[in-house]
Amino acid sequence: MKKFDLKKLLASVAALSVVACMTAVPTFADGNSADVAADGSSVADSEVTGDESTGDESTGGEESTGDESTGGEESTGDESTGAEESTGAEESTGGAGEEVTTLRVDSEADATVAIKMTQVTMTLDEVKEAGYKVPIYVTLTTNPGLNAIEYGFTVGDNVASFQIINDPIKAIDAGYDAVSGGLTINPNSDNPNMNWATWASAENNKDLAGMIVIELTLPETAAEGDVYEVNFEEVGTAAANGAPSTMFFEKSTDNGQEKQAFFMQNGFVKIAEPEAPTEAPTEAPSEEPSSEEEPSSEAPADSKDDSTGAPPTGSSDVLPIAGAAAAVAVLGGVAFVAKKKD
């Protein structure tokens, strides 16, 4: 019987085990092999990290994104709303389709600036005597000191024509009070009856009282009761950037330009209607005085002239009454009636 060399057998098994370990390529459950993992340092580590990272970070990112998105939307909504309100309150700039507002107030007591047009009522004869020309003054009646002005105005379609007097000498030559002048008047290309006035200065100015004169020429067909209007316009035509010009009044402050709340009064010329004649009130006829006089109960004074003023004595104690049948005698304060004999 052949003997086995146990040492050689163990050595052979050990050698076979080493060779097997060196030549075998392990395969992971997902099919990735160790040598592929070696290219990315470790596929197993990378995938696990990726799964954990993708899962955790994705989940966290989605939650974070959702929360942040929700918060961002709320914040954006609030900020947007606040900004819109602020823009609307401060000035009337904005893109097409947005509502344009200004700092106009309805009460003069709430305004720091008041701009008014004159309101004129005339008779038809006065209009004819004036050659159908009537001035409308645009005046700053309350001025805190301004350095920038913009406003528009539109003349009614029933006015025959008009001209804008924007120069003191021209105003005086036309027979009107002097105006400040210096404004820039821009006609509206879409509406010939509308104009936009602007003025700006480096310093605040409180002396812009009489600003311009709008001289209206009324039609010769003007009749009693007619009204010819001139109205302020708060919004002008859109500029090149799509933002329309807006009515404002600004003053320079340490913090920059400051818009002022303003009150405005539109103007008109009205031809007065004739007053209806008033009828005199009808008086009731007075009663005719009666021609018959009632006899007086008092005795007439003595017709005799008594220069001394002393009462008469003797027979004159009986006071005769002409045409009467009796006389009254006063003796000692007692009156007696004596009948006269026929």
C-alpha atoms as a PDB file:
ATOM      1  CA  MET A   1       0.000   0.000   0.000  1.00  0.00           C
ATOM      2  CA  LYS A   2       1.406   3.374  -1.044  1.00  0.00           C
ATOM      3  CA  LYS A   3       1.823   5.875   1.679  1.00  0.00           C
ATOM      4  CA  PHE A   4       0.566   9.464   1.305  1.00  0.00           C
ATOM      5  CA  ASP A   5       2.921  12.188   2.203  1.00  0.00           C
ATOM      6  CA  LEU A   6       0.697  14.373   4.338  1.00  0.00           C
ATOM      7  CA  LYS A   7       3.024  17.346   4.192  1.00  0.00           C
ATOM      8  CA  LYS A   8       3.100  17.360   0.387  1.00  0.00           C
ATOM      9  CA  LEU A   9      -0.699  17.018   0.270  1.00  0.00           C
ATOM     10  CA  LEU A  10      -1.214  20.035   2.535  1.00  0.00           C
ATOM     11  CA  ALA A  11       1.332  22.025   0.572  1.00  0.00           C
ATOM     12  CA  SER A  12      -0.476  21.239  -2.712  1.00  0.00           C
ATOM     13  CA  VAL A  13      -3.854  22.250  -1.287  1.00  0.00           C
ATOM     14  CA  ALA A  14      -2.428  25.495  -0.019  1.00  0.00           C
ATOM     15  CA  ALA A  15      -0.897  26.236  -3.415  1.00  0.00           C
ATOM     16  CA  LEU A  16      -4.159  25.533  -5.211  1.00  0.00           C
ATOM     17  CA  SER A  17      -6.009  27.866  -2.816  1.00  0.00           C
ATOM     18  CA  VAL A  18      -3.580  30.716  -3.516  1.00  0.00           C
ATOM     19  CA  VAL A  19      -3.933  30.257  -7.276  1.00  0.00           C
ATOM     20  CA  ALA A  20      -7.704  30.178  -7.015  1.00  0.00           C
ATOM     21  CA  CYS A  21      -7.760  33.422  -5.014  1.00  0.00           C
ATOM     22  CA  MET A  22      -5.519  35.157  -7.519  1.00  0.00           C
ATOM     23  CA  THR A  23      -7.433  34.119 -10.637  1.00  0.00           C
ATOM     24  CA  ALA A  24     -11.088  34.436  -9.439  1.00  0.00           C
ATOM     25  CA  VAL A  25     -12.960  37.707 -10.249  1.00  0.00           C
ATOM     26  CA  PRO A  26     -15.613  38.401  -7.601  1.00  0.00           C
ATOM     27  CA  THR A  27     -18.989  39.606  -8.863  1.00  0.00           C
ATOM     28  CA  PHE A  28     -21.423  41.733  -6.831  1.00  0.00           C
ATOM     29  CA  ALA A  29     -25.121  41.160  -6.685  1.00  0.00           C
ATOM     30  CA  ASP A  30     -25.866  44.025  -9.054  1.00  0.00           C
ATOM     31  CA  GLY A  31     -23.413  42.688 -11.650  1.00  0.00           C
ATOM     32  CA  ASN A  32     -20.572  45.175 -11.075  1.00  0.00           C
ATOM     33  CA  SER A  33     -17.192  43.606 -10.839  1.00  0.00           C
ATOM     34  CA  ALA A  34     -14.298  44.451  -8.632  1.00  0.00           C
ATOM     35  CA  ASP A  35     -12.047  45.666 -11.420  1.00  0.00           C
ATOM     36  CA  VAL A  36     -14.835  48.135 -12.584  1.00  0.00           C
ATOM     37  CA  ALA A  37     -15.075  49.307  -9.035  1.00  0.00           C
ATOM     38  CA  ALA A  38     -11.385  49.862  -8.999  1.00  0.00           C
ATOM     39  CA  ASP A  39     -11.735  52.426 -11.816  1.00  0.00           C
ATOM     40  CA  GLY A  40     -14.031  54.606  -9.655  1.00  0.00           C
ATOM     41  CA  SER A  41     -12.071  53.749  -6.479  1.00  0.00           C
ATOM     42  CA  SER A  42     -14.904  51.559  -5.343  1.00  0.00           C
ATOM     43  CA  VAL A  43     -18.128  51.017  -7.207  1.00  0.00           C
ATOM     44  CA  ALA A  44     -19.732  49.628  -4.141  1.00  0.00           C
ATOM     45  CA  ASP A  45     -18.793  52.631  -2.028  1.00  0.00           C
ATOM     46  CA  SER A  46     -19.743  55.052  -4.774  1.00  0.00           C
ATOM     47  CA  GLU A  47     -23.131  53.482  -5.287  1.00  0.00           C
ATOM     48  CA  VAL A  48     -23.901  53.292  -1.618  1.00  0.00           C
ATOM     49  CA  THR A  49     -22.795  56.829  -1.121  1.00  0.00           C
ATOM     50  CA  GLY A  50     -24.759  57.819  -4.164  1.00  0.00           C
ATOM     51  CA  ASP A  51     -27.852  55.993  -2.995  1.00  0.00           C
ATOM     52  CA  GLU A  52     -27.621  57.461   0.446  1.00  0.00           C
ATOM     53  CA  SER A  53     -26.709  60.856  -0.899  1.00  0.00           C
ATOM     54  CA  THR A  54     -29.314  60.739  -3.629  1.00  0.00           C
ATOM     55  CA  GLY A  55     -31.952  59.397  -1.380  1.00  0.00           C
ATOM     56  CA  ASP A  56     -31.201  61.543   1.632  1.00  0.00           C
ATOM     57  CA  GLU A  57     -30.131  64.641  -0.183  1.00  0.00           C
ATOM     58  CA  SER A  58     -32.866  64.311  -2.743  1.00  0.00           C
ATOM     59  CA  THR A  59     -35.440  63.812  -0.044  1.00  0.00           C
ATOM     60  CA  GLY A  60     -33.960  66.583   2.012  1.00  0.00           C
ATOM     61  CA  GLY A  61     -33.523  68.721  -1.068  1.00  0.00           C
ATOM     62  CA  GLU A  62     -37.097  68.165  -2.135  1.00  0.00           C
ATOM     63  CA  GLU A  63     -38.364  68.986   1.311  1.00  0.00           C
ATOM     64  CA  SER A  64     -36.044  71.940   1.535  1.00  0.00           C
ATOM     65  CA  THR A  65     -36.946  73.010  -1.978  1.00  0.00           C
ATOM     66  CA  GLY A  66     -40.610  72.608  -1.209  1.00  0.00           C
ATOM     67  CA  ASP A  67     -40.335  74.578   2.004  1.00  0.00           C
ATOM     68  CA  GLU A  68     -38.105  77.180   0.508  1.00  0.00           C
ATOM     69  CA  SER A  69     -40.296  77.373  -2.570  1.00  0.00           C
ATOM     70  CA  THR A  70     -43.377  77.783  -0.453  1.00  0.00           C
ATOM     71  CA  GLY A  71     -41.667  80.343   1.716  1.00  0.00           C
ATOM     72  CA  GLY A  72     -40.202  82.040  -1.306  1.00  0.00           C
ATOM     73  CA  GLU A  73     -43.560  82.269  -2.994  1.00  0.00           C
ATOM     74  CA  GLU A  74     -45.164  83.726   0.106  1.00  0.00           C
ATOM     75  CA  SER A  75     -42.302  86.127   0.540  1.00  0.00           C
ATOM     76  CA  THR A  76     -42.423  87.074  -3.142  1.00  0.00           C
ATOM     77  CA  GLY A  77     -46.168  87.549  -2.978  1.00  0.00           C
ATOM     78  CA  ASP A  78     -45.961  89.758   0.079  1.00  0.00           C
ATOM     79  CA  GLU A  79     -43.057  91.741  -1.233  1.00  0.00           C
ATOM     80  CA  SER A  80     -44.730  92.085  -4.610  1.00  0.00           C
ATOM     81  CA  THR A  81     -47.963  93.283  -3.044  1.00  0.00           C
ATOM     82  CA  GLY A  82     -46.130  95.746  -0.870  1.00  0.00           C
ATOM     83  CA  ALA A  83     -44.142  97.023  -3.793  1.00  0.00           C
ATOM     84  CA  GLU A  84     -47.245  97.499  -5.918  1.00  0.00           C
ATOM     85  CA  GLU A  85     -48.980  99.417  -3.166  1.00  0.00           C
ATOM     86  CA  SER A  86     -45.905 101.522  -2.585  1.00  0.00           C
ATOM     87  CA  THR A  87     -45.550 102.227  -6.302  1.00  0.00           C
ATOM     88  CA  GLY A  88     -49.187 103.134  -6.593  1.00  0.00           C
ATOM     89  CA  ALA A  89     -49.056 105.457  -3.604  1.00  0.00           C
ATOM     90  CA  GLU A  90     -45.827 107.196  -4.465  1.00  0.00           C
ATOM     91  CA  GLU A  91     -46.171 107.810  -8.169  1.00  0.00           C
ATOM     92  CA  SER A  92     -48.056 106.754 -11.219  1.00  0.00           C
ATOM     93  CA  THR A  93     -45.333 105.052 -13.209  1.00  0.00           C
ATOM     94  CA  GLY A  94     -45.928 101.561 -14.479  1.00  0.00           C
ATOM     95  CA  GLY A  95     -46.120  99.402 -17.544  1.00  0.00           C
ATOM     96  CA  ALA A  96     -48.992  99.041 -19.911  1.00  0.00           C
ATOM     97  CA  GLY A  97     -52.154  97.714 -18.342  1.00  0.00           C
ATOM     98  CA  GLU A  98     -51.288  98.840 -14.815  1.00  0.00           C
ATOM     99  CA  GLU A  99     -53.511 101.247 -12.984  1.00  0.00           C
ATOM    100  CA  VAL A 100     -51.882 104.653 -12.745  1.00  0.00           C
ATOM    101  CA  THR A 101     -52.390 106.763  -9.656  1.00  0.00           C
ATOM    102  CA  THR A 102     -51.083 110.076  -8.361  1.00  0.00           C
ATOM    103  CA  LEU A 103     -50.949 111.903  -5.043  1.00  0.00           C
ATOM    104  CA  ARG A 104     -54.125 113.882  -5.783  1.00  0.00           C
ATOM    105  CA  VAL A 105     -56.421 114.415  -2.796  1.00  0.00           C
ATOM    106  CA  ASP A 106     -60.061 115.487  -2.821  1.00  0.00           C
ATOM    107  CA  SER A 107     -59.803 117.953   0.070  1.00  0.00           C
ATOM    108  CA  GLU A 108     -57.744 121.119  -0.161  1.00  0.00           C
ATOM    109  CA  ALA A 109     -57.136 120.885   3.588  1.00  0.00           C
ATOM    110  CA  ASP A 110     -55.246 117.599   3.051  1.00  0.00           C
ATOM    111  CA  ALA A 111     -53.012 118.996   0.297  1.00  0.00           C
ATOM    112  CA  THR A 112     -49.632 120.705   0.476  1.00  0.00           C
ATOM    113  CA  VAL A 113     -50.054 122.025  -3.089  1.00  0.00           C
ATOM    114  CA  ALA A 114     -53.191 123.551  -4.615  1.00  0.00           C
ATOM    115  CA  ILE A 115     -53.416 124.238  -8.351  1.00  0.00           C
ATOM    116  CA  LYS A 116     -56.565 125.900  -9.674  1.00  0.00           C
ATOM    117  CA  MET A 117     -58.085 127.181 -12.881  1.00  0.00           C
ATOM    118  CA  THR A 118     -60.346 130.207 -12.789  1.00  0.00           C
ATOM    119  CA  GLN A 119     -64.081 129.648 -13.110  1.00  0.00           C
ATOM    120  CA  VAL A 120     -65.754 132.518 -14.975  1.00  0.00           C
ATOM    121  CA  THR A 121     -69.441 133.414 -15.346  1.00  0.00           C
ATOM    122  CA  MET A 122     -70.259 136.151 -17.867  1.00  0.00           C
ATOM    123  CA  THR A 123     -73.272 137.514 -19.663  1.00  0.00           C
ATOM    124  CA  LEU A 124     -73.560 137.033 -23.391  1.00  0.00           C
ATOM    125  CA  ASP A 125     -73.159 140.795 -23.900  1.00  0.00           C
ATOM    126  CA  GLU A 126     -69.888 140.724 -21.914  1.00  0.00           C
ATOM    127  CA  VAL A 127     -68.602 137.845 -24.037  1.00  0.00           C
ATOM    128  CA  LYS A 128     -69.401 139.761 -27.226  1.00  0.00           C
ATOM    129  CA  GLU A 129     -67.725 142.913 -25.887  1.00  0.00           C
ATOM    130  CA  ALA A 130     -64.588 140.846 -25.175  1.00  0.00           C
ATOM    131  CA  GLY A 131     -64.503 139.639 -28.772  1.00  0.00           C
ATOM    132  CA  TYR A 132     -65.434 136.116 -27.604  1.00  0.00           C
ATOM    133  CA  LYS A 133     -61.979 135.797 -25.958  1.00  0.00           C
ATOM    134  CA  VAL A 134     -61.933 134.740 -22.300  1.00  0.00           C
ATOM    135  CA  PRO A 135     -58.802 133.909 -20.246  1.00  0.00           C
ATOM    136  CA  ILE A 136     -58.488 130.926 -17.911  1.00  0.00           C
ATOM    137  CA  TYR A 137     -55.638 131.325 -15.412  1.00  0.00           C
ATOM    138  CA  VAL A 138     -53.761 128.262 -14.129  1.00  0.00           C
ATOM    139  CA  THR A 139     -52.499 129.309 -10.708  1.00  0.00           C
ATOM    140  CA  LEU A 140     -50.645 127.742  -7.786  1.00  0.00           C
ATOM    141  CA  THR A 141     -52.678 129.053  -4.879  1.00  0.00           C
ATOM    142  CA  THR A 142     -50.708 126.982  -2.344  1.00  0.00           C
ATOM    143  CA  ASN A 143     -46.997 126.482  -2.977  1.00  0.00           C
ATOM    144  CA  PRO A 144     -44.609 125.123  -0.310  1.00  0.00           C
ATOM    145  CA  GLY A 145     -41.629 125.742  -2.606  1.00  0.00           C
ATOM    146  CA  LEU A 146     -41.317 123.453  -5.620  1.00  0.00           C
ATOM    147  CA  ASN A 147     -38.559 122.575  -8.049  1.00  0.00           C
ATOM    148  CA  ALA A 148     -40.404 120.205 -10.413  1.00  0.00           C
ATOM    149  CA  ILE A 149     -43.926 120.351 -11.872  1.00  0.00           C
ATOM    150  CA  GLU A 150     -45.857 118.278 -14.396  1.00  0.00           C
ATOM    151  CA  TYR A 151     -49.540 118.438 -15.285  1.00  0.00           C
ATOM    152  CA  GLY A 152     -51.798 118.146 -18.281  1.00  0.00           C
ATOM    153  CA  PHE A 153     -54.993 119.896 -19.351  1.00  0.00           C
ATOM    154  CA  THR A 154     -57.628 119.441 -22.033  1.00  0.00           C
ATOM    155  CA  VAL A 155     -59.800 122.167 -23.588  1.00  0.00           C
ATOM    156  CA  GLY A 156     -63.415 121.247 -24.356  1.00  0.00           C
ATOM    157  CA  ASP A 157     -64.363 120.386 -27.921  1.00  0.00           C
ATOM    158  CA  ASN A 158     -67.018 123.119 -28.031  1.00  0.00           C
ATOM    159  CA  VAL A 159     -64.353 125.858 -27.775  1.00  0.00           C
ATOM    160  CA  ALA A 160     -63.619 127.394 -31.179  1.00  0.00           C
ATOM    161  CA  SER A 161     -59.878 127.744 -30.529  1.00  0.00           C
ATOM    162  CA  PHE A 162     -57.366 128.502 -27.784  1.00  0.00           C
ATOM    163  CA  GLN A 163     -53.827 129.701 -27.253  1.00  0.00           C
ATOM    164  CA  ILE A 164     -51.461 129.205 -24.327  1.00  0.00           C
ATOM    165  CA  ILE A 165     -49.826 132.360 -23.012  1.00  0.00           C
ATOM    166  CA  ASN A 166     -46.612 131.293 -21.305  1.00  0.00           C
ATOM    167  CA  ASP A 167     -44.755 134.585 -21.227  1.00  0.00           C
ATOM    168  CA  PRO A 168     -45.229 137.641 -18.957  1.00  0.00           C
ATOM    169  CA  ILE A 169     -44.763 140.201 -21.727  1.00  0.00           C
ATOM    170  CA  LYS A 170     -47.150 138.352 -24.025  1.00  0.00           C
ATOM    171  CA  ALA A 171     -49.710 138.161 -21.232  1.00  0.00           C
ATOM    172  CA  ILE A 172     -49.484 141.897 -20.581  1.00  0.00           C
ATOM    173  CA  ASP A 173     -49.693 142.677 -24.288  1.00  0.00           C
ATOM    174  CA  ALA A 174     -52.851 140.567 -24.455  1.00  0.00           C
ATOM    175  CA  GLY A 175     -54.336 142.650 -21.658  1.00  0.00           C
ATOM    176  CA  TYR A 176     -53.999 139.965 -18.986  1.00  0.00           C
ATOM    177  CA  ASP A 177     -52.085 139.810 -15.728  1.00  0.00           C
ATOM    178  CA  ALA A 178     -48.468 138.673 -15.965  1.00  0.00           C
ATOM    179  CA  VAL A 179     -47.675 134.983 -15.616  1.00  0.00           C
ATOM    180  CA  SER A 180     -44.529 133.243 -14.415  1.00  0.00           C
ATOM    181  CA  GLY A 181     -43.620 131.713 -17.772  1.00  0.00           C
ATOM    182  CA  GLY A 182     -40.793 129.274 -18.213  1.00  0.00           C
ATOM    183  CA  LEU A 183     -42.936 126.153 -18.513  1.00  0.00           C
ATOM    184  CA  THR A 184     -42.479 123.751 -21.382  1.00  0.00           C
ATOM    185  CA  ILE A 185     -45.748 123.011 -23.185  1.00  0.00           C
ATOM    186  CA  ASN A 186     -45.924 119.748 -25.130  1.00  0.00           C
ATOM    187  CA  PRO A 187     -48.995 119.213 -27.349  1.00  0.00           C
ATOM    188  CA  ASN A 188     -50.470 115.740 -27.419  1.00  0.00           C
ATOM    189  CA  SER A 189     -50.086 114.074 -30.772  1.00  0.00           C
ATOM    190  CA  ASP A 190     -53.300 112.069 -30.368  1.00  0.00           C
ATOM    191  CA  ASN A 191     -55.503 114.870 -29.020  1.00  0.00           C
ATOM    192  CA  PRO A 192     -54.883 118.426 -30.278  1.00  0.00           C
ATOM    193  CA  ASN A 193     -56.924 119.851 -27.388  1.00  0.00           C
ATOM    194  CA  MET A 194     -54.603 118.283 -24.793  1.00  0.00           C
ATOM    195  CA  ASN A 195     -51.277 119.717 -23.653  1.00  0.00           C
ATOM    196  CA  TRP A 196     -48.676 118.646 -21.096  1.00  0.00           C
ATOM    197  CA  ALA A 197     -46.836 121.292 -19.062  1.00  0.00           C
ATOM    198  CA  THR A 198     -43.493 120.704 -17.331  1.00  0.00           C
ATOM    199  CA  TRP A 199     -41.094 122.822 -15.318  1.00  0.00           C
ATOM    200  CA  ALA A 200     -37.939 122.059 -13.356  1.00  0.00           C
ATOM    201  CA  SER A 201     -35.360 124.025 -11.424  1.00  0.00           C
ATOM    202  CA  ALA A 202     -32.278 123.344  -9.327  1.00  0.00           C
ATOM    203  CA  GLU A 203     -33.841 125.213  -6.391  1.00  0.00           C
ATOM    204  CA  ASN A 204     -37.253 125.288  -4.763  1.00  0.00           C
ATOM    205  CA  ASN A 205     -39.391 128.226  -5.852  1.00  0.00           C
ATOM    206  CA  LYS A 206     -42.348 129.696  -3.969  1.00  0.00           C
ATOM    207  CA  ASP A 207     -43.048 132.461  -6.486  1.00  0.00           C
ATOM    208  CA  LEU A 208     -44.821 130.445  -9.183  1.00  0.00           C
ATOM    209  CA  ALA A 209     -48.210 131.981  -8.488  1.00  0.00           C
ATOM    210  CA  GLY A 210     -49.598 132.812 -11.932  1.00  0.00           C
ATOM    211  CA  MET A 211     -48.254 130.022 -14.088  1.00  0.00           C
ATOM    212  CA  ILE A 212     -49.902 130.226 -17.524  1.00  0.00           C
ATOM    213  CA  VAL A 213     -52.978 131.665 -19.210  1.00  0.00           C
ATOM    214  CA  ILE A 214     -55.191 129.588 -21.497  1.00  0.00           C
ATOM    215  CA  GLU A 215     -57.010 132.076 -23.720  1.00  0.00           C
ATOM    216  CA  LEU A 216     -60.253 130.579 -25.023  1.00  0.00           C
ATOM    217  CA  THR A 217     -61.976 131.843 -28.142  1.00  0.00           C
ATOM    218  CA  LEU A 218     -65.660 130.993 -27.870  1.00  0.00           C
ATOM    219  CA  PRO A 219     -67.745 130.364 -30.984  1.00  0.00           C
ATOM    220  CA  GLU A 220     -69.940 133.153 -32.263  1.00  0.00           C
ATOM    221  CA  THR A 221     -72.840 130.774 -31.856  1.00  0.00           C
ATOM    222  CA  ALA A 222     -72.342 130.916 -28.080  1.00  0.00           C
ATOM    223  CA  ALA A 223     -75.642 131.186 -26.290  1.00  0.00           C
ATOM    224  CA  GLU A 224     -76.887 131.810 -22.800  1.00  0.00           C
ATOM    225  CA  GLY A 225     -76.458 128.742 -20.602  1.00  0.00           C
ATOM    226  CA  ASP A 226     -73.463 127.358 -22.543  1.00  0.00           C
ATOM    227  CA  VAL A 227     -70.482 126.055 -20.553  1.00  0.00           C
ATOM    228  CA  TYR A 228     -66.913 125.786 -21.933  1.00  0.00           C
ATOM    229  CA  GLU A 229     -64.639 123.596 -19.804  1.00  0.00           C
ATOM    230  CA  VAL A 230     -60.902 123.213 -19.301  1.00  0.00           C
ATOM    231  CA  ASN A 231     -59.967 120.143 -17.224  1.00  0.00           C
ATOM    232  CA  PHE A 232     -56.738 118.953 -15.670  1.00  0.00           C
ATOM    233  CA  GLU A 233     -55.285 115.642 -16.854  1.00  0.00           C
ATOM    234  CA  GLU A 234     -53.432 113.465 -14.340  1.00  0.00           C
ATOM    235  CA  VAL A 235     -51.999 111.083 -16.940  1.00  0.00           C
ATOM    236  CA  GLY A 236     -50.371 111.969 -20.244  1.00  0.00           C
ATOM    237  CA  THR A 237     -49.302 109.913 -23.211  1.00  0.00           C
ATOM    238  CA  ALA A 238     -46.979 106.967 -22.731  1.00  0.00           C
ATOM    239  CA  ALA A 239     -43.269 107.664 -23.002  1.00  0.00           C
ATOM    240  CA  ALA A 240     -40.832 105.566 -25.047  1.00  0.00           C
ATOM    241  CA  ASN A 241     -40.420 103.081 -22.182  1.00  0.00           C
ATOM    242  CA  GLY A 242     -44.171 102.534 -21.944  1.00  0.00           C
ATOM    243  CA  ALA A 243     -44.585 104.481 -18.682  1.00  0.00           C
ATOM    244  CA  PRO A 244     -47.048 107.376 -19.064  1.00  0.00           C
ATOM    245  CA  SER A 245     -46.321 110.898 -17.874  1.00  0.00           C
ATOM    246  CA  THR A 246     -48.102 111.655 -14.626  1.00  0.00           C
ATOM    247  CA  MET A 247     -49.141 114.786 -12.790  1.00  0.00           C
ATOM    248  CA  PHE A 248     -46.853 115.580  -9.870  1.00  0.00           C
ATOM    249  CA  PHE A 249     -45.380 118.383  -7.795  1.00  0.00           C
ATOM    250  CA  GLU A 250     -41.976 117.897  -6.180  1.00  0.00           C
ATOM    251  CA  LYS A 251     -39.707 119.778  -3.832  1.00  0.00           C
ATOM    252  CA  SER A 252     -36.055 119.188  -3.096  1.00  0.00           C
ATOM    253  CA  THR A 253     -35.263 117.924   0.399  1.00  0.00           C
ATOM    254  CA  ASP A 254     -32.189 116.592   2.210  1.00  0.00           C
ATOM    255  CA  ASN A 255     -33.440 113.104   1.377  1.00  0.00           C
ATOM    256  CA  GLY A 256     -33.900 113.823  -2.321  1.00  0.00           C
ATOM    257  CA  GLN A 257     -36.985 114.679  -4.381  1.00  0.00           C
ATOM    258  CA  GLU A 258     -40.241 114.537  -2.422  1.00  0.00           C
ATOM    259  CA  LYS A 259     -43.620 114.363  -4.138  1.00  0.00           C
ATOM    260  CA  GLN A 260     -46.392 116.501  -2.658  1.00  0.00           C
ATOM    261  CA  ALA A 261     -50.081 115.718  -2.176  1.00  0.00           C
ATOM    262  CA  PHE A 262     -52.010 118.112  -4.413  1.00  0.00           C
ATOM    263  CA  PHE A 263     -55.548 119.442  -4.821  1.00  0.00           C
ATOM    264  CA  MET A 264     -56.765 120.569  -8.239  1.00  0.00           C
ATOM    265  CA  GLN A 265     -59.721 122.653  -9.450  1.00  0.00           C
ATOM    266  CA  ASN A 266     -60.847 122.558 -13.075  1.00  0.00           C
ATOM    267  CA  GLY A 267     -61.848 125.712 -14.935  1.00  0.00           C
ATOM    268  CA  PHE A 268     -64.774 126.828 -17.072  1.00  0.00           C
ATOM    269  CA  VAL A 269     -66.479 129.749 -18.759  1.00  0.00           C
ATOM    270  CA  LYS A 270     -70.226 129.858 -18.283  1.00  0.00           C
ATOM    271  CA  ILE A 271     -72.574 132.222 -20.094  1.00  0.00           C
ATOM    272  CA  ALA A 272     -75.195 133.260 -17.605  1.00  0.00           C
ATOM    273  CA  GLU A 273     -78.837 132.684 -18.350  1.00  0.00           C
ATOM    274  CA  PRO A 274     -81.121 135.741 -18.165  1.00  0.00           C
ATOM    275  CA  GLU A 275     -82.902 136.195 -14.898  1.00  0.00           C
ATOM    276  CA  ALA A 276     -86.636 135.688 -14.980  1.00  0.00           C
ATOM    277  CA  PRO A 277     -88.531 138.947 -14.354  1.00  0.00           C
ATOM    278  CA  THR A 278     -89.967 139.177 -10.882  1.00  0.00           C
ATOM    279  CA  GLU A 279     -93.616 140.251 -10.472  1.00  0.00           C
ATOM    280  CA  ALA A 280     -94.467 142.828  -7.838  1.00  0.00           C
ATOM    281  CA  PRO A 281     -96.657 141.388  -5.085  1.00  0.00           C
ATOM    282  CA  THR A 282    -100.365 142.306  -5.364  1.00  0.00           C
ATOM    283  CA  GLU A 283    -101.469 144.567  -2.508  1.00  0.00           C
ATOM    284  CA  ALA A 284    -104.985 144.493  -1.071  1.00  0.00           C
ATOM    285  CA  PRO A 285    -106.902 147.767  -1.640  1.00  0.00           C
ATOM    286  CA  SER A 286    -106.917 150.016   1.401  1.00  0.00           C
ATOM    287  CA  GLU A 287    -110.252 150.986   2.954  1.00  0.00           C
ATOM    288  CA  GLU A 288    -111.566 154.485   2.159  1.00  0.00           C
ATOM    289  CA  PRO A 289    -111.764 156.685   5.251  1.00  0.00           C
ATOM    290  CA  SER A 290    -115.353 157.528   6.278  1.00  0.00           C
ATOM    291  CA  SER A 291    -116.514 161.038   5.318  1.00  0.00           C
ATOM    292  CA  GLU A 292    -118.710 161.281   8.395  1.00  0.00           C
ATOM    293  CA  GLU A 293    -116.834 162.376  11.455  1.00  0.00           C
ATOM    294  CA  GLU A 294    -117.879 161.114  14.804  1.00  0.00           C
ATOM    295  CA  PRO A 295    -118.595 163.854  17.297  1.00  0.00           C
ATOM    296  CA  SER A 296    -115.867 164.323  19.854  1.00  0.00           C
ATOM    297  CA  SER A 297    -116.736 163.707  23.456  1.00  0.00           C
ATOM    298  CA  GLU A 298    -114.251 166.295  24.562  1.00  0.00           C
ATOM    299  CA  ALA A 299    -115.139 169.975  24.739  1.00  0.00           C
ATOM    300  CA  PRO A 300    -113.177 172.131  22.321  1.00  0.00           C
ATOM    301  CA  ALA A 301    -110.776 174.648  23.671  1.00  0.00           C
ATOM    302  CA  ASP A 302    -111.905 178.256  24.175  1.00  0.00           C
ATOM    303  CA  SER A 303    -111.684 180.094  20.909  1.00  0.00           C
ATOM    304  CA  LYS A 304    -111.038 183.415  22.692  1.00  0.00           C
ATOM    305  CA  ASP A 305    -107.495 184.609  22.784  1.00  0.00           C
ATOM    306  CA  ASP A 306    -106.292 184.847  26.358  1.00  0.00           C
ATOM    307  CA  SER A 307    -102.762 186.029  26.495  1.00  0.00           C
ATOM    308  CA  THR A 308    -102.524 185.597  30.259  1.00  0.00           C
ATOM    309  CA  GLY A 309    -103.489 181.960  30.112  1.00  0.00           C
ATOM    310  CA  ALA A 310    -105.863 182.450  33.080  1.00  0.00           C
ATOM    311  CA  PRO A 311    -109.233 180.770  33.001  1.00  0.00           C
ATOM    312  CA  PRO A 312    -112.195 183.111  32.091  1.00  0.00           C
ATOM    313  CA  THR A 313    -114.474 184.519  34.871  1.00  0.00           C
ATOM    314  CA  GLY A 314    -118.076 185.719  35.249  1.00  0.00           C
ATOM    315  CA  SER A 315    -120.521 184.964  32.485  1.00  0.00           C
ATOM    316  CA  SER A 316    -117.792 183.288  30.607  1.00  0.00           C
ATOM    317  CA  ASP A 317    -117.954 180.416  33.079  1.00  0.00           C
ATOM    318  CA  VAL A 318    -120.594 179.019  30.732  1.00  0.00           C
ATOM    319  CA  LEU A 319    -118.675 177.911  27.628  1.00  0.00           C
ATOM    320  CA  PRO A 320    -120.813 178.318  24.502  1.00  0.00           C
ATOM    321  CA  ILE A 321    -120.638 175.590  21.893  1.00  0.00           C
ATOM    322  CA  ALA A 322    -121.615 176.761  18.442  1.00  0.00           C
ATOM    323  CA  GLY A 323    -124.651 174.974  17.059  1.00  0.00           C
ATOM    324  CA  ALA A 324    -125.163 173.031  20.263  1.00  0.00           C
ATOM    325  CA  ALA A 325    -128.230 173.065  22.513  1.00  0.00           C
ATOM    326  CA  ALA A 326    -126.336 172.894  25.757  1.00  0.00           C
ATOM    327  CA  ALA A 327    -123.123 174.117  27.377  1.00  0.00           C
ATOM    328  CA  VAL A 328    -120.868 172.763  30.048  1.00  0.00           C
ATOM    329  CA  ALA A 329    -119.927 174.974  32.991  1.00  0.00           C
ATOM    330  CA  VAL A 330    -117.047 174.147  35.273  1.00  0.00           C
ATOM    331  CA  LEU A 331    -117.397 175.581  38.770  1.00  0.00           C
ATOM    332  CA  GLY A 332    -115.107 174.492  41.497  1.00  0.00           C
ATOM    333  CA  GLY A 333    -114.125 171.418  39.627  1.00  0.00           C
ATOM    334  CA  VAL A 334    -117.740 170.262  39.191  1.00  0.00           C
ATOM    335  CA  ALA A 335    -119.289 170.191  35.748  1.00  0.00           C
ATOM    336  CA  PHE A 336    -122.838 171.407  35.292  1.00  0.00           C
ATOM    337  CA  VAL A 337    -124.957 171.272  32.183  1.00  0.00           C
ATOM    338  CA  ALA A 338    -127.162 174.302  31.537  1.00  0.00           C
ATOM    339  CA  LYS A 339    -129.867 174.169  28.954  1.00  0.00           C
ATOM    340  CA  LYS A 340    -130.128 177.082  26.702  1.00  0.00           C
ATOM    341  CA  LYS A 341    -133.465 178.801  26.337  1.00  0.00           C
ATOM    342  CA  ASP A 342    -134.971 178.908  22.927  1.00  0.00           C
END
